[in-house]
C-alpha cells in the first residue's frame, strides 16, 4: 500500500478532477486523466488505491458502528435513569399523599371527639341549669301555694301580720 503523502495527494487530486469533470468532460479529458492515473502506476497501482479506499471505508464503518453503539448505550442509560427518577418521584408523591390523608383523618377524628365532648358537657350544663331553674320554680310555686293557703285559712289580715 502507498504511504507516500505526495502520491496520496496526487491520487486525491486526480480523483477530484474525475468526479467534478465526469458529467461534462470530453473523451479526450477523460483519457488525459486516465493517463495520469497510469503514470502513477509505477509507484502504486489503481488496485492499491482502491484497496486503500476499501480499508478506509471499513475503518469508517467500524468507527460509525462503535459510535452508534456508544450512543445507544448512553441513550439507554439516560432512559433508565429517567424512569428510575420518575418511579421514585411517584412513590414519594404517593407516600406524601397517604401521609396527608392519614393526618387529615386523624385531625377530623380528633375534632369530632372534641365536638362530641363539648356537646356532652353543654348538655350536662344545660340539664343542670334546667333542673336548677325547675327547682327554683317549684320552690316559688310552693311558697305561693303556702301563701295562698295561709290567706285562705287565716284570712288576709292575719297573713299580713304574720309576714311582718
C-alpha atoms as a PDB file:
ATOM      1  CA  UNK A   1       0.000   0.000   0.000  1.00  0.00           C
ATOM      2  CA  UNK A   2       1.140   3.521  -0.706  1.00  0.00           C
ATOM      3  CA  UNK A   3       2.393   5.509   2.242  1.00  0.00           C
ATOM      4  CA  UNK A   4       3.863   8.436   0.321  1.00  0.00           C
ATOM      5  CA  UNK A   5       1.943  11.668   1.092  1.00  0.00           C
ATOM      6  CA  UNK A   6       2.768  13.155  -2.305  1.00  0.00           C
ATOM      7  CA  UNK A   7       1.391  10.083  -4.064  1.00  0.00           C
ATOM      8  CA  UNK A   8      -1.731  10.223  -1.891  1.00  0.00           C
ATOM      9  CA  UNK A   9      -2.231  13.903  -2.710  1.00  0.00           C
ATOM     10  CA  UNK A  10      -1.777  13.239  -6.444  1.00  0.00           C
ATOM     11  CA  UNK A  11      -4.333  10.420  -6.402  1.00  0.00           C
ATOM     12  CA  UNK A  12      -6.798  12.602  -4.451  1.00  0.00           C
ATOM     13  CA  UNK A  13      -6.316  15.445  -6.910  1.00  0.00           C
ATOM     14  CA  UNK A  14      -6.918  13.218  -9.938  1.00  0.00           C
ATOM     15  CA  UNK A  15      -9.927  11.611  -8.269  1.00  0.00           C
ATOM     16  CA  UNK A  16     -11.416  15.022  -7.501  1.00  0.00           C
ATOM     17  CA  UNK A  17     -10.934  16.113 -11.132  1.00  0.00           C
ATOM     18  CA  UNK A  18     -12.559  12.905 -12.404  1.00  0.00           C
ATOM     19  CA  UNK A  19     -15.556  13.365 -10.054  1.00  0.00           C
ATOM     20  CA  UNK A  20     -16.034  17.034 -10.946  1.00  0.00           C
ATOM     21  CA  UNK A  21     -15.495  16.607 -14.688  1.00  0.00           C
ATOM     22  CA  UNK A  22     -17.184  13.216 -15.175  1.00  0.00           C
ATOM     23  CA  UNK A  23     -20.550  14.644 -16.155  1.00  0.00           C
ATOM     24  CA  UNK A  24     -19.272  17.225 -18.644  1.00  0.00           C
ATOM     25  CA  UNK A  25     -15.771  16.002 -19.607  1.00  0.00           C
ATOM     26  CA  UNK A  26     -14.893  15.236 -23.194  1.00  0.00           C
ATOM     27  CA  UNK A  27     -13.425  11.847 -24.077  1.00  0.00           C
ATOM     28  CA  UNK A  28     -10.018  13.485 -24.513  1.00  0.00           C
ATOM     29  CA  UNK A  29     -10.123  14.961 -20.983  1.00  0.00           C
ATOM     30  CA  UNK A  30     -11.105  11.598 -19.509  1.00  0.00           C
ATOM     31  CA  UNK A  31      -8.272   9.909 -21.455  1.00  0.00           C
ATOM     32  CA  UNK A  32      -5.850  12.503 -20.092  1.00  0.00           C
ATOM     33  CA  UNK A  33      -6.985  11.788 -16.525  1.00  0.00           C
ATOM     34  CA  UNK A  34      -6.728   8.024 -17.174  1.00  0.00           C
ATOM     35  CA  UNK A  35      -3.191   8.509 -18.437  1.00  0.00           C
ATOM     36  CA  UNK A  36      -2.346  10.463 -15.287  1.00  0.00           C
ATOM     37  CA  UNK A  37      -3.540   7.525 -13.195  1.00  0.00           C
ATOM     38  CA  UNK A  38      -1.488   5.116 -15.348  1.00  0.00           C
ATOM     39  CA  UNK A  39       1.664   7.190 -14.891  1.00  0.00           C
ATOM     40  CA  UNK A  40       1.255   6.972 -11.131  1.00  0.00           C
ATOM     41  CA  UNK A  41       1.106   3.213 -11.618  1.00  0.00           C
ATOM     42  CA  UNK A  42       4.837   2.901 -11.259  1.00  0.00           C
ATOM     43  CA  UNK A  43       4.501   3.767  -7.627  1.00  0.00           C
ATOM     44  CA  UNK A  44       1.019   2.485  -6.893  1.00  0.00           C
ATOM     45  CA  UNK A  45      -1.460   0.610  -8.971  1.00  0.00           C
ATOM     46  CA  UNK A  46      -5.100   1.572  -9.288  1.00  0.00           C
ATOM     47  CA  UNK A  47      -5.866  -1.653  -7.416  1.00  0.00           C
ATOM     48  CA  UNK A  48      -3.791  -0.475  -4.447  1.00  0.00           C
ATOM     49  CA  UNK A  49      -5.608   2.852  -4.469  1.00  0.00           C
ATOM     50  CA  UNK A  50      -8.948   1.018  -4.432  1.00  0.00           C
ATOM     51  CA  UNK A  51      -7.770  -1.250  -1.617  1.00  0.00           C
ATOM     52  CA  UNK A  52      -6.792   1.755   0.469  1.00  0.00           C
ATOM     53  CA  UNK A  53     -10.252   3.170  -0.177  1.00  0.00           C
ATOM     54  CA  UNK A  54     -11.856  -0.122   0.939  1.00  0.00           C
ATOM     55  CA  UNK A  55      -9.714  -0.172   4.101  1.00  0.00           C
ATOM     56  CA  UNK A  56     -10.702   3.385   4.919  1.00  0.00           C
ATOM     57  CA  UNK A  57     -14.377   2.602   4.256  1.00  0.00           C
ATOM     58  CA  UNK A  58     -14.140  -0.377   6.630  1.00  0.00           C
ATOM     59  CA  UNK A  59     -12.421   1.763   9.277  1.00  0.00           C
ATOM     60  CA  UNK A  60     -15.075   4.476   8.959  1.00  0.00           C
ATOM     61  CA  UNK A  61     -17.867   1.872   9.099  1.00  0.00           C
ATOM     62  CA  UNK A  62     -16.374   0.275  12.216  1.00  0.00           C
ATOM     63  CA  UNK A  63     -15.993   3.688  13.836  1.00  0.00           C
ATOM     64  CA  UNK A  64     -19.578   4.613  12.952  1.00  0.00           C
ATOM     65  CA  UNK A  65     -20.850   1.333  14.421  1.00  0.00           C
ATOM     66  CA  UNK A  66     -18.853   1.936  17.617  1.00  0.00           C
ATOM     67  CA  UNK A  67     -20.203   5.483  17.912  1.00  0.00           C
ATOM     68  CA  UNK A  68     -23.714   4.176  17.260  1.00  0.00           C
ATOM     69  CA  UNK A  69     -23.348   1.511  19.974  1.00  0.00           C
ATOM     70  CA  UNK A  70     -21.983   4.081  22.450  1.00  0.00           C
ATOM     71  CA  UNK A  71     -24.812   6.483  21.616  1.00  0.00           C
ATOM     72  CA  UNK A  72     -27.455   3.779  22.039  1.00  0.00           C
ATOM     73  CA  UNK A  73     -25.871   2.736  25.348  1.00  0.00           C
ATOM     74  CA  UNK A  74     -25.848   6.370  26.562  1.00  0.00           C
ATOM     75  CA  UNK A  75     -29.474   6.873  25.491  1.00  0.00           C
ATOM     76  CA  UNK A  76     -30.491   3.632  27.209  1.00  0.00           C
ATOM     77  CA  UNK A  77     -28.671   4.622  30.407  1.00  0.00           C
ATOM     78  CA  UNK A  78     -30.305   8.056  30.353  1.00  0.00           C
ATOM     79  CA  UNK A  79     -33.723   6.479  29.751  1.00  0.00           C
ATOM     80  CA  UNK A  80     -33.230   4.012  32.609  1.00  0.00           C
ATOM     81  CA  UNK A  81     -32.118   6.813  34.952  1.00  0.00           C
ATOM     82  CA  UNK A  82     -35.130   8.918  33.964  1.00  0.00           C
ATOM     83  CA  UNK A  83     -37.510   6.007  34.545  1.00  0.00           C
ATOM     84  CA  UNK A  84     -35.926   5.407  37.946  1.00  0.00           C
ATOM     85  CA  UNK A  85     -36.277   9.086  38.898  1.00  0.00           C
ATOM     86  CA  UNK A  86     -39.902   9.152  37.739  1.00  0.00           C
ATOM     87  CA  UNK A  87     -40.664   5.973  39.705  1.00  0.00           C
ATOM     88  CA  UNK A  88     -39.046   7.293  42.889  1.00  0.00           C
ATOM     89  CA  UNK A  89     -40.778  10.669  42.484  1.00  0.00           C
ATOM     90  CA  UNK A  90     -44.106   8.885  42.000  1.00  0.00           C
ATOM     91  CA  UNK A  91     -43.505   6.764  45.097  1.00  0.00           C
ATOM     92  CA  UNK A  92     -42.562   9.833  47.154  1.00  0.00           C
ATOM     93  CA  UNK A  93     -45.680  11.664  45.964  1.00  0.00           C
ATOM     94  CA  UNK A  94     -47.896   8.701  46.817  1.00  0.00           C
ATOM     95  CA  UNK A  95     -46.296   8.479  50.278  1.00  0.00           C
ATOM     96  CA  UNK A  96     -46.835  12.202  50.848  1.00  0.00           C
ATOM     97  CA  UNK A  97     -50.473  11.912  49.760  1.00  0.00           C
ATOM     98  CA  UNK A  98     -51.012   8.942  52.074  1.00  0.00           C
ATOM     99  CA  UNK A  99     -49.383  10.791  54.997  1.00  0.00           C
ATOM    100  CA  UNK A 100     -51.541  13.840  54.317  1.00  0.00           C
ATOM    101  CA  UNK A 101     -54.641  11.648  54.160  1.00  0.00           C
ATOM    102  CA  UNK A 102     -53.752   9.937  57.442  1.00  0.00           C
ATOM    103  CA  UNK A 103     -53.083  13.280  59.145  1.00  0.00           C
ATOM    104  CA  UNK A 104     -56.348  14.714  57.828  1.00  0.00           C
ATOM    105  CA  UNK A 105     -58.304  11.685  59.012  1.00  0.00           C
ATOM    106  CA  UNK A 106     -56.692  11.921  62.463  1.00  0.00           C
ATOM    107  CA  UNK A 107     -57.443  15.639  62.622  1.00  0.00           C
ATOM    108  CA  UNK A 108     -61.072  15.095  61.638  1.00  0.00           C
ATOM    109  CA  UNK A 109     -61.419  12.297  64.211  1.00  0.00           C
ATOM    110  CA  UNK A 110     -59.879  14.498  66.916  1.00  0.00           C
ATOM    111  CA  UNK A 111     -62.141  17.393  66.008  1.00  0.00           C
ATOM    112  CA  UNK A 112     -65.154  15.080  66.067  1.00  0.00           C
ATOM    113  CA  UNK A 113     -64.228  13.738  69.505  1.00  0.00           C
ATOM    114  CA  UNK A 114     -63.679  17.252  70.832  1.00  0.00           C
ATOM    115  CA  UNK A 115     -67.037  18.379  69.430  1.00  0.00           C
ATOM    116  CA  UNK A 116     -68.809  15.399  70.993  1.00  0.00           C
ATOM    117  CA  UNK A 117     -67.150  16.141  74.357  1.00  0.00           C
ATOM    118  CA  UNK A 118     -68.180  19.811  74.144  1.00  0.00           C
ATOM    119  CA  UNK A 119     -71.730  18.786  73.216  1.00  0.00           C
ATOM    120  CA  UNK A 120     -71.886  16.361  76.161  1.00  0.00           C
ATOM    121  CA  UNK A 121     -70.545  18.998  78.533  1.00  0.00           C
ATOM    122  CA  UNK A 122     -73.026  21.540  77.151  1.00  0.00           C
ATOM    123  CA  UNK A 123     -75.841  19.031  77.540  1.00  0.00           C
ATOM    124  CA  UNK A 124     -74.825  18.319  81.143  1.00  0.00           C
ATOM    125  CA  UNK A 125     -74.629  22.049  81.899  1.00  0.00           C
ATOM    126  CA  UNK A 126     -77.977  22.686  80.195  1.00  0.00           C
ATOM    127  CA  UNK A 127     -79.674  19.844  82.112  1.00  0.00           C
ATOM    128  CA  UNK A 128     -78.216  21.154  85.383  1.00  0.00           C
ATOM    129  CA  UNK A 129     -79.379  24.689  84.565  1.00  0.00           C
ATOM    130  CA  UNK A 130     -82.872  23.435  83.660  1.00  0.00           C
ATOM    131  CA  UNK A 131     -83.025  21.340  86.827  1.00  0.00           C
ATOM    132  CA  UNK A 132     -81.887  24.313  88.909  1.00  0.00           C
ATOM    133  CA  UNK A 133     -84.444  26.576  87.255  1.00  0.00           C
ATOM    134  CA  UNK A 134     -87.126  23.923  87.735  1.00  0.00           C
ATOM    135  CA  UNK A 135     -86.238  23.584  91.444  1.00  0.00           C
ATOM    136  CA  UNK A 136     -86.389  27.343  91.868  1.00  0.00           C
ATOM    137  CA  UNK A 137     -89.730  27.466  90.080  1.00  0.00           C
ATOM    138  CA  UNK A 138     -91.049  24.601  92.222  1.00  0.00           C
ATOM    139  CA  UNK A 139     -89.885  26.411  95.376  1.00  0.00           C
ATOM    140  CA  UNK A 140     -91.506  29.630  94.219  1.00  0.00           C
ATOM    141  CA  UNK A 141     -94.700  27.767  93.361  1.00  0.00           C
ATOM    142  CA  UNK A 142     -94.656  26.010  96.765  1.00  0.00           C
ATOM    143  CA  UNK A 143     -94.156  29.362  98.506  1.00  0.00           C
ATOM    144  CA  UNK A 144     -97.010  30.854  96.535  1.00  0.00           C
ATOM    145  CA  UNK A 145     -99.222  27.875  97.356  1.00  0.00           C
ATOM    146  CA  UNK A 146     -98.332  28.185 101.057  1.00  0.00           C
ATOM    147  CA  UNK A 147     -99.108  31.888 100.988  1.00  0.00           C
ATOM    148  CA  UNK A 148    -102.469  31.325  99.343  1.00  0.00           C
ATOM    149  CA  UNK A 149    -103.220  28.522 101.774  1.00  0.00           C
ATOM    150  CA  UNK A 150    -102.406  30.737 104.789  1.00  0.00           C
ATOM    151  CA  UNK A 151    -104.540  33.512 103.392  1.00  0.00           C
ATOM    152  CA  UNK A 152    -107.445  31.176 102.958  1.00  0.00           C
ATOM    153  CA  UNK A 153    -107.016  29.548 106.345  1.00  0.00           C
ATOM    154  CA  UNK A 154    -106.162  32.608 108.458  1.00  0.00           C
ATOM    155  CA  UNK A 155    -107.599  35.409 106.445  1.00  0.00           C
ATOM    156  CA  UNK A 156    -105.857  38.295 104.826  1.00  0.00           C
ATOM    157  CA  UNK A 157    -105.152  40.350 107.872  1.00  0.00           C
ATOM    158  CA  UNK A 158    -103.652  37.571 109.849  1.00  0.00           C
ATOM    159  CA  UNK A 159    -101.457  36.681 106.909  1.00  0.00           C
ATOM    160  CA  UNK A 160    -100.311  40.271 106.568  1.00  0.00           C
ATOM    161  CA  UNK A 161     -99.361  40.415 110.266  1.00  0.00           C
ATOM    162  CA  UNK A 162     -97.618  37.077 110.012  1.00  0.00           C
ATOM    163  CA  UNK A 163     -95.462  38.349 107.205  1.00  0.00           C
ATOM    164  CA  UNK A 164     -94.213  41.268 109.297  1.00  0.00           C
END
